[in-house]
Amino acid sequence: MMRLIGRSFGRNSVELSPLLHMRGPQISNMKHFGALSVFLLICILYIEPGVSGTSHPKPSCRYPPSQWCRSLEIAISCNVQKQCMELNATRTNQAAPPVSVTLYYESLCPDSRVFITQQLFPTWTMLQDIMTVTLVPYGNAMENPSASSPFICQHGEAECRGNLIEACMIHLTGPSAFQIIYCMESAENVLNAAQPLYAPAVSWSSVDACSRGGLGRQLMHAYAAMTRALHPAHTHVPWLTVNGEYTEENEDKVLSSLFHFVCRLYKGVKPPVCTGAQVRLNRSFC
């Protein structure tokens, strides 16, 4: 799933493949189900036939195995309470937080563009169920008190324009942002590629107005604050933090193979692609 500033990239974050573990309400429901199973099982064991004057035979199982643990009633009717409780415990233990990758970059930096197009986006496409991505398009820029040019960028005004467009894409287009930025960064001309790639629900005019107005400056100021808050301070771009931390060792592993690094770092059940399953990447949306 991909998390972007101001929006949740859901998996659109970004942020393609089914989850292999239970989450959120599912886990909560299974916990309640497990507790109820124990209670009812104890009741069944301690109530002898004939105490109430009437004995009731257990209903026959009318459900396929795939639905036996769907509800407590079905589990009891199929006499699989214990198995479903064990399955619940196994699945709960398999849950693990996703690997969080944050990229501090510049829209026209050659190294940033290579990393986004050849490593970050392909890896996220295959592993978005076990990783989140946050994009911070600021890099080595500096804030400028001048009202006409509020930022100074390493690769000139064109890069500041690109940073602002991508910041507004992230803020306005939500789930489509990472795909749009990937298409921009993989194009021969980053700025020329931006206009035809707006999300269907967001017009290019709104993105353009954001990048040229106060909203764009506010977004860029927030990215500047995030970049200045890095510890240790960034010395180059692309600069990556993994689970909120930067180390040279992790950077070497990430730049060598982000895909294998995320697969190794994830503590939960690995998706099939981590163990060699073939996945075809779709780039036809550019």
Protein backbone atom coordinates (compact mmCIF):
# COMPACT_ATOMS: atom_id res chain seq x y z
CA MET A 1 0.00 0.00 0.00
CA MET A 2 1.43 3.38 -0.65
CA ARG A 3 1.14 6.29 1.76
CA LEU A 4 1.60 9.83 0.39
CA ILE A 5 1.48 13.13 2.23
CA GLY A 6 -2.12 14.24 2.67
CA ARG A 7 -3.56 11.07 1.15
CA SER A 8 -3.60 7.34 1.57
CA PHE A 9 -2.19 5.58 -1.45
CA GLY A 10 -4.22 2.39 -1.35
CA ARG A 11 -3.62 0.97 -2.82
CA ASN A 12 -4.80 2.70 -5.80
CA SER A 13 -0.46 5.17 -1.79
CA VAL A 14 -0.33 3.92 -3.78
CA GLU A 15 -0.25 3.10 -3.09
CA LEU A 16 -2.27 -5.40 -7.51
CA SER A 17 -2.01 -8.57 -5.56
CA PRO A 18 -4.13 -10.15 -2.80
CA LEU A 19 -3.17 -9.93 0.86
CA LEU A 20 -1.88 -13.14 2.35
CA HIS A 21 -2.79 -12.35 5.95
CA MET A 22 -5.77 -11.05 7.84
CA ARG A 23 -6.02 -7.43 8.88
CA GLY A 24 -8.05 -4.95 10.88
CA PRO A 25 -11.69 -5.92 11.36
CA GLN A 26 -11.01 -9.51 10.20
CA ILE A 27 -8.52 -10.09 13.03
CA SER A 28 -10.84 -8.46 15.54
CA ASN A 29 -13.77 -10.60 14.39
CA MET A 30 -11.68 -13.78 14.61
CA LYS A 31 -10.58 -12.87 18.16
CA HIS A 32 -14.23 -12.54 19.21
CA PHE A 33 -15.01 -15.74 17.37
CA GLY A 34 -12.20 -17.55 19.20
CA ALA A 35 -13.42 -16.37 22.59
CA LEU A 36 -17.01 -17.37 21.84
CA SER A 37 -15.84 -20.75 20.59
CA VAL A 38 -14.07 -21.48 23.88
CA PHE A 39 -17.12 -20.41 25.89
CA LEU A 40 -19.60 -22.47 23.90
CA LEU A 41 -17.30 -25.47 23.80
CA ILE A 42 -17.06 -25.39 27.63
CA CYS A 43 -20.83 -25.12 27.87
CA ILE A 44 -21.30 -28.15 25.59
CA LEU A 45 -18.84 -30.22 27.64
CA TYR A 46 -20.53 -29.43 30.95
CA ILE A 47 -24.15 -29.86 29.92
CA GLU A 48 -25.08 -33.53 29.99
CA PRO A 49 -27.75 -34.88 27.67
CA GLY A 50 -31.14 -35.09 29.33
CA VAL A 51 -30.53 -32.44 32.02
CA SER A 52 -33.00 -30.12 30.42
CA GLY A 53 -35.32 -32.99 29.73
CA THR A 54 -34.68 -32.89 25.98
CA SER A 55 -31.67 -33.87 23.93
CA HIS A 56 -31.03 -32.33 20.53
CA PRO A 57 -28.85 -34.05 17.94
CA LYS A 58 -26.17 -31.90 16.34
CA PRO A 59 -27.16 -30.61 12.92
CA SER A 60 -25.32 -32.12 10.00
CA CYS A 61 -22.65 -30.04 8.25
CA ARG A 62 -24.12 -28.57 5.11
CA TYR A 63 -21.23 -26.25 4.24
CA PRO A 64 -18.15 -26.77 2.05
CA PRO A 65 -14.76 -26.80 3.85
CA SER A 66 -13.90 -23.34 2.51
CA GLN A 67 -16.68 -21.86 4.71
CA TRP A 68 -16.23 -23.88 7.90
CA CYS A 69 -14.54 -20.99 9.75
CA ARG A 70 -16.73 -18.28 8.29
CA SER A 71 -18.83 -18.02 11.44
CA LEU A 72 -19.15 -19.58 14.89
CA GLU A 73 -22.47 -21.20 13.98
CA ILE A 74 -20.99 -22.94 10.96
CA ALA A 75 -17.92 -24.07 12.92
CA ILE A 76 -20.11 -25.65 15.60
CA SER A 77 -22.42 -27.34 13.10
CA CYS A 78 -19.40 -28.84 11.34
CA ASN A 79 -17.65 -29.70 14.64
CA VAL A 80 -14.45 -27.80 13.73
CA GLN A 81 -14.30 -25.24 16.54
CA LYS A 82 -10.81 -26.30 17.63
CA GLN A 83 -9.41 -26.23 14.11
CA CYS A 84 -10.85 -22.79 13.42
CA MET A 85 -9.45 -21.42 16.68
CA GLU A 86 -6.00 -22.77 15.77
CA LEU A 87 -6.30 -21.24 12.32
CA ASN A 88 -7.23 -17.91 13.91
CA ALA A 89 -4.15 -17.99 16.16
CA THR A 90 -1.89 -18.83 13.23
CA ARG A 91 -3.23 -16.05 11.04
CA THR A 92 -3.05 -13.48 13.82
CA ASN A 93 0.62 -14.29 14.39
CA GLN A 94 1.29 -13.89 10.68
CA ALA A 95 0.25 -10.25 10.68
CA ALA A 96 3.21 -7.84 10.52
CA PRO A 97 3.60 -4.12 9.81
CA PRO A 98 4.61 -3.24 6.25
CA VAL A 99 8.11 -2.08 5.42
CA SER A 100 8.04 1.73 5.21
CA VAL A 101 10.21 3.37 2.54
CA THR A 102 10.47 7.16 2.26
CA LEU A 103 12.22 8.70 -0.74
CA TYR A 104 13.63 12.23 -0.57
CA TYR A 105 14.34 13.22 -4.17
CA GLU A 106 14.31 15.89 -6.88
CA SER A 107 12.16 15.76 -10.00
CA LEU A 108 15.04 16.40 -12.44
CA CYS A 109 17.87 14.64 -10.60
CA PRO A 110 19.17 11.86 -12.93
CA ASP A 111 19.93 9.48 -10.04
CA SER A 112 16.49 10.08 -8.52
CA ARG A 113 14.81 9.36 -11.84
CA VAL A 114 16.75 6.13 -12.31
CA PHE A 115 15.91 4.91 -8.82
CA ILE A 116 12.20 5.71 -9.14
CA THR A 117 11.78 4.11 -12.56
CA GLN A 118 14.08 1.10 -12.23
CA GLN A 119 13.73 0.17 -8.55
CA LEU A 120 11.13 1.94 -6.44
CA PHE A 121 8.08 1.78 -8.69
CA PRO A 122 8.64 -1.79 -9.97
CA THR A 123 9.28 -3.01 -6.41
CA TRP A 124 6.19 -1.27 -5.05
CA THR A 125 4.11 -2.69 -7.90
CA MET A 126 5.07 -6.22 -6.85
CA LEU A 127 5.23 -5.74 -3.07
CA GLN A 128 2.71 -3.03 -2.24
CA ASP A 129 0.89 -5.39 0.15
CA ILE A 130 3.96 -5.52 2.41
CA MET A 131 5.46 -2.05 1.88
CA THR A 132 4.42 1.59 1.95
CA VAL A 133 6.06 4.38 -0.02
CA THR A 134 6.21 8.07 0.85
CA LEU A 135 7.50 10.50 -1.78
CA VAL A 136 9.09 13.81 -0.77
CA PRO A 137 9.91 15.85 -3.92
CA TYR A 138 12.25 18.47 -2.44
CA GLY A 139 15.82 17.16 -2.14
CA ASN A 140 18.52 19.83 -2.14
CA ALA A 141 16.13 22.73 -2.75
CA MET A 142 16.14 25.82 -0.53
CA GLU A 143 13.32 28.10 0.54
CA ASN A 144 13.57 31.64 -0.79
CA PRO A 145 11.86 34.59 0.93
CA SER A 146 11.17 36.16 -2.46
CA ALA A 147 7.45 36.05 -3.24
CA SER A 148 8.00 35.55 -6.98
CA SER A 149 10.41 32.59 -6.60
CA PRO A 150 9.81 31.01 -3.20
CA PHE A 151 12.23 28.10 -3.83
CA ILE A 152 15.68 27.62 -5.31
CA CYS A 153 16.38 24.19 -6.80
CA GLN A 154 19.60 22.40 -7.66
CA HIS A 155 18.64 21.94 -11.31
CA GLY A 156 17.06 25.34 -11.81
CA GLU A 157 13.54 26.72 -12.09
CA ALA A 158 12.38 23.80 -14.22
CA GLU A 159 13.09 21.43 -11.34
CA CYS A 160 11.22 23.64 -8.88
CA ARG A 161 8.30 23.55 -11.29
CA GLY A 162 8.54 19.75 -11.50
CA ASN A 163 8.74 19.42 -7.71
CA LEU A 164 5.64 21.58 -7.31
CA ILE A 165 3.68 19.65 -9.93
CA GLU A 166 4.54 16.32 -8.31
CA ALA A 167 3.69 17.67 -4.85
CA CYS A 168 0.28 18.73 -6.14
CA MET A 169 -0.21 15.41 -7.93
CA ILE A 170 0.43 13.62 -4.64
CA HIS A 171 -1.98 15.89 -2.79
CA LEU A 172 -4.80 15.93 -5.35
CA THR A 173 -4.81 12.63 -7.21
CA GLY A 174 -4.41 10.20 -4.32
CA PRO A 175 -4.24 6.61 -5.59
CA SER A 176 -3.02 7.63 -9.06
CA ALA A 177 -0.11 9.77 -7.86
CA PHE A 178 2.69 7.20 -7.87
CA GLN A 179 1.77 5.96 -11.34
CA ILE A 180 1.65 9.53 -12.67
CA ILE A 181 5.01 10.43 -11.11
CA TYR A 182 6.54 7.22 -12.47
CA CYS A 183 5.34 8.15 -15.96
CA MET A 184 6.71 11.68 -15.59
CA GLU A 185 10.10 10.52 -14.35
CA SER A 186 10.42 7.85 -17.07
CA ALA A 187 9.58 10.30 -19.87
CA GLU A 188 12.22 12.12 -21.88
CA ASN A 189 10.83 15.46 -20.70
CA VAL A 190 9.45 15.33 -17.15
CA LEU A 191 7.45 18.57 -17.34
CA ASN A 192 5.94 17.92 -20.78
CA ALA A 193 4.78 14.49 -19.63
CA ALA A 194 2.80 15.89 -16.69
CA GLN A 195 -0.16 17.55 -18.40
CA PRO A 196 -1.71 14.56 -20.23
CA LEU A 197 -1.32 12.30 -17.17
CA TYR A 198 -3.85 13.81 -14.78
CA ALA A 199 -6.16 11.46 -12.91
CA PRO A 200 -9.69 11.13 -14.33
CA ALA A 201 -11.25 12.68 -11.23
CA VAL A 202 -8.79 15.61 -11.16
CA SER A 203 -8.39 18.11 -13.99
CA TRP A 204 -4.98 19.30 -15.14
CA SER A 205 -6.13 22.89 -14.53
CA SER A 206 -6.54 22.15 -10.81
CA VAL A 207 -3.05 20.58 -10.64
CA ASP A 208 -1.59 23.52 -12.54
CA ALA A 209 -3.34 26.05 -10.30
CA CYS A 210 -2.06 24.23 -7.21
CA SER A 211 1.53 24.22 -8.48
CA ARG A 212 1.44 27.94 -9.29
CA GLY A 213 -0.44 29.11 -6.21
CA GLY A 214 -0.44 29.12 -2.45
CA LEU A 215 -1.36 25.47 -2.01
CA GLY A 216 1.72 24.34 -3.90
CA ARG A 217 3.94 26.58 -1.78
CA GLN A 218 2.38 25.20 1.41
CA LEU A 219 2.99 21.62 0.27
CA MET A 220 6.58 22.41 -0.66
CA HIS A 221 7.17 24.14 2.66
CA ALA A 222 5.95 21.00 4.44
CA TYR A 223 8.38 18.90 2.37
CA ALA A 224 11.17 21.33 3.20
CA ALA A 225 10.44 20.88 6.92
CA MET A 226 10.42 17.08 6.55
CA THR A 227 13.76 17.18 4.74
CA ARG A 228 15.38 19.51 7.30
CA ALA A 229 14.18 17.22 10.11
CA LEU A 230 16.18 14.25 8.79
CA HIS A 231 18.65 12.79 11.26
CA PRO A 232 21.28 12.31 10.11
CA ALA A 233 20.89 15.20 7.68
CA HIS A 234 20.76 14.18 4.04
CA THR A 235 23.94 14.69 2.03
CA HIS A 236 22.70 13.62 -1.40
CA VAL A 237 19.67 12.49 -3.36
CA PRO A 238 18.05 10.10 -3.71
CA TRP A 239 18.02 9.72 0.07
CA LEU A 240 16.04 6.86 1.57
CA THR A 241 14.84 5.98 5.01
CA VAL A 242 13.56 2.49 5.80
CA ASN A 243 11.13 2.24 8.71
CA GLY A 244 12.06 5.81 9.56
CA GLU A 245 15.82 5.25 9.72
CA TYR A 246 18.82 5.86 7.48
CA THR A 247 22.03 3.88 7.58
CA GLU A 248 24.74 3.54 4.97
CA GLU A 249 24.43 -0.23 5.20
CA ASN A 250 20.73 -0.13 4.43
CA GLU A 251 21.29 2.36 1.62
CA ASP A 252 23.80 0.00 -0.03
CA LYS A 253 21.32 -2.87 0.21
CA VAL A 254 18.45 -0.76 -1.08
CA LEU A 255 20.40 0.58 -4.04
CA SER A 256 21.66 -2.93 -4.82
CA SER A 257 18.18 -4.50 -4.79
CA LEU A 258 15.27 -2.80 -3.06
CA PHE A 259 13.05 -5.76 -3.93
CA HIS A 260 15.17 -8.37 -2.13
CA PHE A 261 15.79 -6.00 0.78
CA VAL A 262 12.05 -5.48 1.40
CA CYS A 263 11.36 -9.21 1.11
CA ARG A 264 14.08 -10.00 3.66
CA LEU A 265 13.05 -7.23 6.04
CA TYR A 266 9.33 -8.05 6.14
CA LYS A 267 8.53 -10.09 9.26
CA GLY A 268 5.21 -11.57 8.16
CA VAL A 269 4.34 -14.26 5.63
CA LYS A 270 6.21 -13.52 2.41
CA PRO A 271 4.12 -13.02 -0.72
CA PRO A 272 4.72 -15.62 -3.47
CA VAL A 273 6.71 -13.15 -5.57
CA CYS A 274 9.39 -13.02 -2.84
CA THR A 275 10.03 -16.72 -3.37
CA GLY A 276 10.28 -16.60 -7.13
CA ALA A 277 6.72 -16.38 -8.46
CA GLN A 278 6.63 -14.62 -11.82
CA VAL A 279 4.89 -11.24 -12.05
CA ARG A 280 4.31 -9.23 -15.21
CA LEU A 281 4.58 -5.48 -14.73
CA ASN A 282 2.01 -3.34 -16.53
CA ARG A 283 3.36 0.00 -17.76
CA SER A 284 0.69 0.56 -20.40
CA PHE A 285 -0.94 3.34 -18.34
CA CYS A 286 1.83 5.81 -19.32
